[in-house]
Amino acid sequence: MVPFKIPLSIIELMIVSATPLIEQRGAVPLAALSEYGVGQAYFWTLLGAIIPAPFILFLIPHVLELLKKIKFLSKLAYWYENRALEKSKKVKDNYKYVSIFLFVAIPLPGTGVWTGSTIASLLGLDFKKSLISVILGAATAGIFMIIISYGIKILVG
């Protein structure tokens, strides 16, 4: 039993998981602290994380172009696009979809569904193949986070 419990509904858990920068890296530990079982935590955080992916893949270039035209948001749009393009240098030409999968699968800051989907979209990669790569990457990242979070929970007691 963890020393404290954070009450969290499924919707709140999914919202945390769908939030840029936080995603499953933050949602799975919260699920563990909220007394969700491993299966529930994995399912709901994965679902929350992947819901934004098709929208990002399809809309991000259009949204960035729109934001660039709004004076007080243009710097943010250029920063986000440049950051994603800089990270896209890690995506190898011959292994684009495997690279996207690996980029999303490793649960580190600055990686994940939002950035992986943005990179795939800005590189003009195939929508379906990119979506599959992102979903499989998120599923793998979720497994890593489950092992880490619930492993710590077991060790702490």
Protein backbone atom coordinates (compact mmCIF):
# COMPACT_ATOMS: atom_id res chain seq x y z
CA MET A 1 0.00 0.00 0.00
CA VAL A 2 1.38 3.39 -0.99
CA PRO A 3 1.70 5.95 1.80
CA PHE A 4 -0.95 8.16 0.20
CA LYS A 5 -3.62 7.84 -2.46
CA ILE A 6 -4.51 10.31 -5.19
CA PRO A 7 -8.18 10.06 -6.21
CA LEU A 8 -8.34 10.17 -10.00
CA SER A 9 -11.21 9.34 -12.35
CA ILE A 10 -10.67 7.48 -15.62
CA ILE A 11 -11.41 10.67 -17.57
CA GLU A 12 -8.87 12.65 -15.53
CA LEU A 13 -6.31 9.88 -16.05
CA MET A 14 -6.91 9.93 -19.81
CA ILE A 15 -6.65 13.73 -19.92
CA VAL A 16 -3.29 13.62 -18.11
CA SER A 17 -2.12 10.94 -20.54
CA ALA A 18 -3.24 13.01 -23.54
CA THR A 19 -1.45 16.14 -22.29
CA PRO A 20 1.66 17.14 -24.26
CA LEU A 21 4.96 16.59 -22.43
CA ILE A 22 3.26 14.59 -19.65
CA GLU A 23 1.62 11.73 -21.56
CA GLN A 24 2.09 8.23 -20.11
CA ARG A 25 5.31 9.26 -18.34
CA GLY A 26 3.16 11.17 -15.87
CA ALA A 27 -0.16 9.35 -16.13
CA VAL A 28 1.04 5.83 -15.27
CA PRO A 29 2.69 6.86 -11.96
CA LEU A 30 -0.51 8.76 -11.10
CA ALA A 31 -2.54 5.64 -11.88
CA ALA A 32 -0.31 3.61 -9.57
CA LEU A 33 -0.80 6.17 -6.80
CA SER A 34 -4.56 6.11 -7.45
CA GLU A 35 -4.76 2.38 -6.81
CA TYR A 36 -5.59 1.45 -10.41
CA GLY A 37 -4.65 -2.10 -11.28
CA VAL A 38 -1.88 -2.68 -13.82
CA GLY A 39 -4.28 -3.61 -16.63
CA GLN A 40 -6.57 -0.65 -16.02
CA ALA A 41 -3.65 1.75 -15.78
CA TYR A 42 -2.13 0.45 -18.99
CA PHE A 43 -5.39 0.49 -20.96
CA TRP A 44 -6.66 3.94 -19.92
CA THR A 45 -3.30 5.71 -20.15
CA LEU A 46 -2.58 4.16 -23.55
CA LEU A 47 -6.03 5.14 -24.83
CA GLY A 48 -5.57 8.68 -23.52
CA ALA A 49 -2.11 8.95 -25.08
CA ILE A 50 -3.11 7.78 -28.56
CA ILE A 51 -6.37 9.70 -28.96
CA PRO A 52 -4.53 12.89 -30.06
CA ALA A 53 -2.27 11.06 -32.58
CA PRO A 54 -4.52 11.02 -35.68
CA PHE A 55 -5.46 14.65 -35.13
CA ILE A 56 -1.82 15.69 -34.74
CA LEU A 57 -0.76 13.70 -37.80
CA PHE A 58 -3.47 15.29 -39.92
CA LEU A 59 -3.74 18.82 -38.54
CA ILE A 60 -0.36 19.96 -37.18
CA PRO A 61 1.02 21.50 -40.40
CA HIS A 62 -2.21 23.48 -40.85
CA VAL A 63 -2.33 24.56 -37.20
CA LEU A 64 1.31 25.68 -37.25
CA GLU A 65 0.76 27.72 -40.43
CA LEU A 66 -2.27 29.37 -38.84
CA LEU A 67 -0.40 30.12 -35.59
CA LYS A 68 2.50 31.64 -37.54
CA LYS A 69 0.08 34.29 -38.82
CA ILE A 70 -0.98 35.30 -35.30
CA LYS A 71 1.58 37.79 -34.02
CA PHE A 72 1.70 36.75 -30.35
CA LEU A 73 1.72 33.01 -31.20
CA SER A 74 4.10 33.01 -34.16
CA LYS A 75 7.24 32.62 -32.03
CA LEU A 76 5.71 29.60 -30.30
CA ALA A 77 4.72 28.04 -33.64
CA TYR A 78 8.19 28.53 -35.13
CA TRP A 79 9.83 27.23 -31.94
CA TYR A 80 7.66 24.08 -31.89
CA GLU A 81 8.19 23.40 -35.60
CA ASN A 82 11.97 23.95 -35.37
CA ARG A 83 12.17 21.77 -32.26
CA ALA A 84 10.32 18.94 -34.01
CA LEU A 85 12.41 19.29 -37.16
CA GLU A 86 15.60 19.25 -35.07
CA LYS A 87 14.44 16.03 -33.40
CA SER A 88 13.50 14.63 -36.80
CA LYS A 89 17.19 14.48 -37.70
CA LYS A 90 17.25 11.33 -35.55
CA VAL A 91 14.76 9.72 -37.95
CA LYS A 92 16.81 7.69 -40.41
CA ASP A 93 15.64 7.74 -44.04
CA ASN A 94 15.66 3.97 -44.56
CA TYR A 95 13.96 3.29 -41.24
CA LYS A 96 11.50 6.19 -40.95
CA TYR A 97 8.65 4.27 -39.37
CA VAL A 98 10.90 2.20 -37.10
CA SER A 99 12.55 5.47 -36.05
CA ILE A 100 9.16 7.03 -35.24
CA PHE A 101 8.24 3.90 -33.25
CA LEU A 102 11.50 4.04 -31.27
CA PHE A 103 11.19 7.78 -30.74
CA VAL A 104 7.75 7.35 -29.18
CA ALA A 105 8.60 4.09 -27.35
CA ILE A 106 11.43 5.50 -25.23
CA PRO A 107 9.70 7.33 -22.36
CA LEU A 108 12.02 10.32 -22.02
CA PRO A 109 11.21 14.03 -21.82
CA GLY A 110 10.68 15.49 -25.28
CA THR A 111 9.71 12.18 -26.83
CA GLY A 112 6.26 10.67 -27.08
CA VAL A 113 3.06 10.69 -29.08
CA TRP A 114 2.84 14.45 -29.59
CA THR A 115 6.41 14.93 -30.78
CA GLY A 116 6.54 11.66 -32.74
CA SER A 117 3.28 12.47 -34.53
CA THR A 118 4.46 16.01 -35.25
CA ILE A 119 7.74 14.75 -36.70
CA ALA A 120 5.95 12.20 -38.91
CA SER A 121 3.53 14.85 -40.13
CA LEU A 122 6.18 17.50 -40.84
CA LEU A 123 8.26 14.92 -42.72
CA GLY A 124 5.21 14.10 -44.85
CA LEU A 125 5.22 10.42 -43.90
CA ASP A 126 2.31 8.11 -44.75
CA PHE A 127 -0.61 8.68 -42.34
CA LYS A 128 -1.52 5.03 -41.68
CA LYS A 129 2.06 3.80 -41.30
CA SER A 130 2.87 6.74 -39.03
CA LEU A 131 -0.23 6.14 -36.91
CA ILE A 132 0.67 2.46 -36.50
CA SER A 133 4.25 3.39 -35.54
CA VAL A 134 3.02 5.95 -33.00
CA ILE A 135 0.46 3.57 -31.46
CA LEU A 136 2.98 0.73 -31.16
CA GLY A 137 5.52 3.17 -29.70
CA ALA A 138 2.99 4.40 -27.14
CA ALA A 139 2.08 0.81 -26.25
CA THR A 140 5.77 0.04 -25.67
CA ALA A 141 6.34 3.22 -23.65
CA GLY A 142 3.32 2.27 -21.55
CA ILE A 143 4.84 -1.13 -20.78
CA PHE A 144 8.09 0.52 -19.68
CA MET A 145 6.20 2.96 -17.46
CA ILE A 146 4.04 0.20 -15.95
CA ILE A 147 7.14 -1.84 -15.08
CA ILE A 148 8.88 1.17 -13.53
CA SER A 149 5.88 2.65 -11.70
CA TYR A 150 4.38 -0.55 -10.36
CA GLY A 151 7.85 -1.95 -9.63
CA ILE A 152 8.55 1.06 -7.41
CA LYS A 153 5.10 0.70 -5.84
CA ILE A 154 5.88 -2.93 -4.95
CA LEU A 155 9.31 -2.03 -3.57
CA VAL A 156 7.99 0.87 -1.49
CA GLY A 157 5.24 -1.34 -0.22
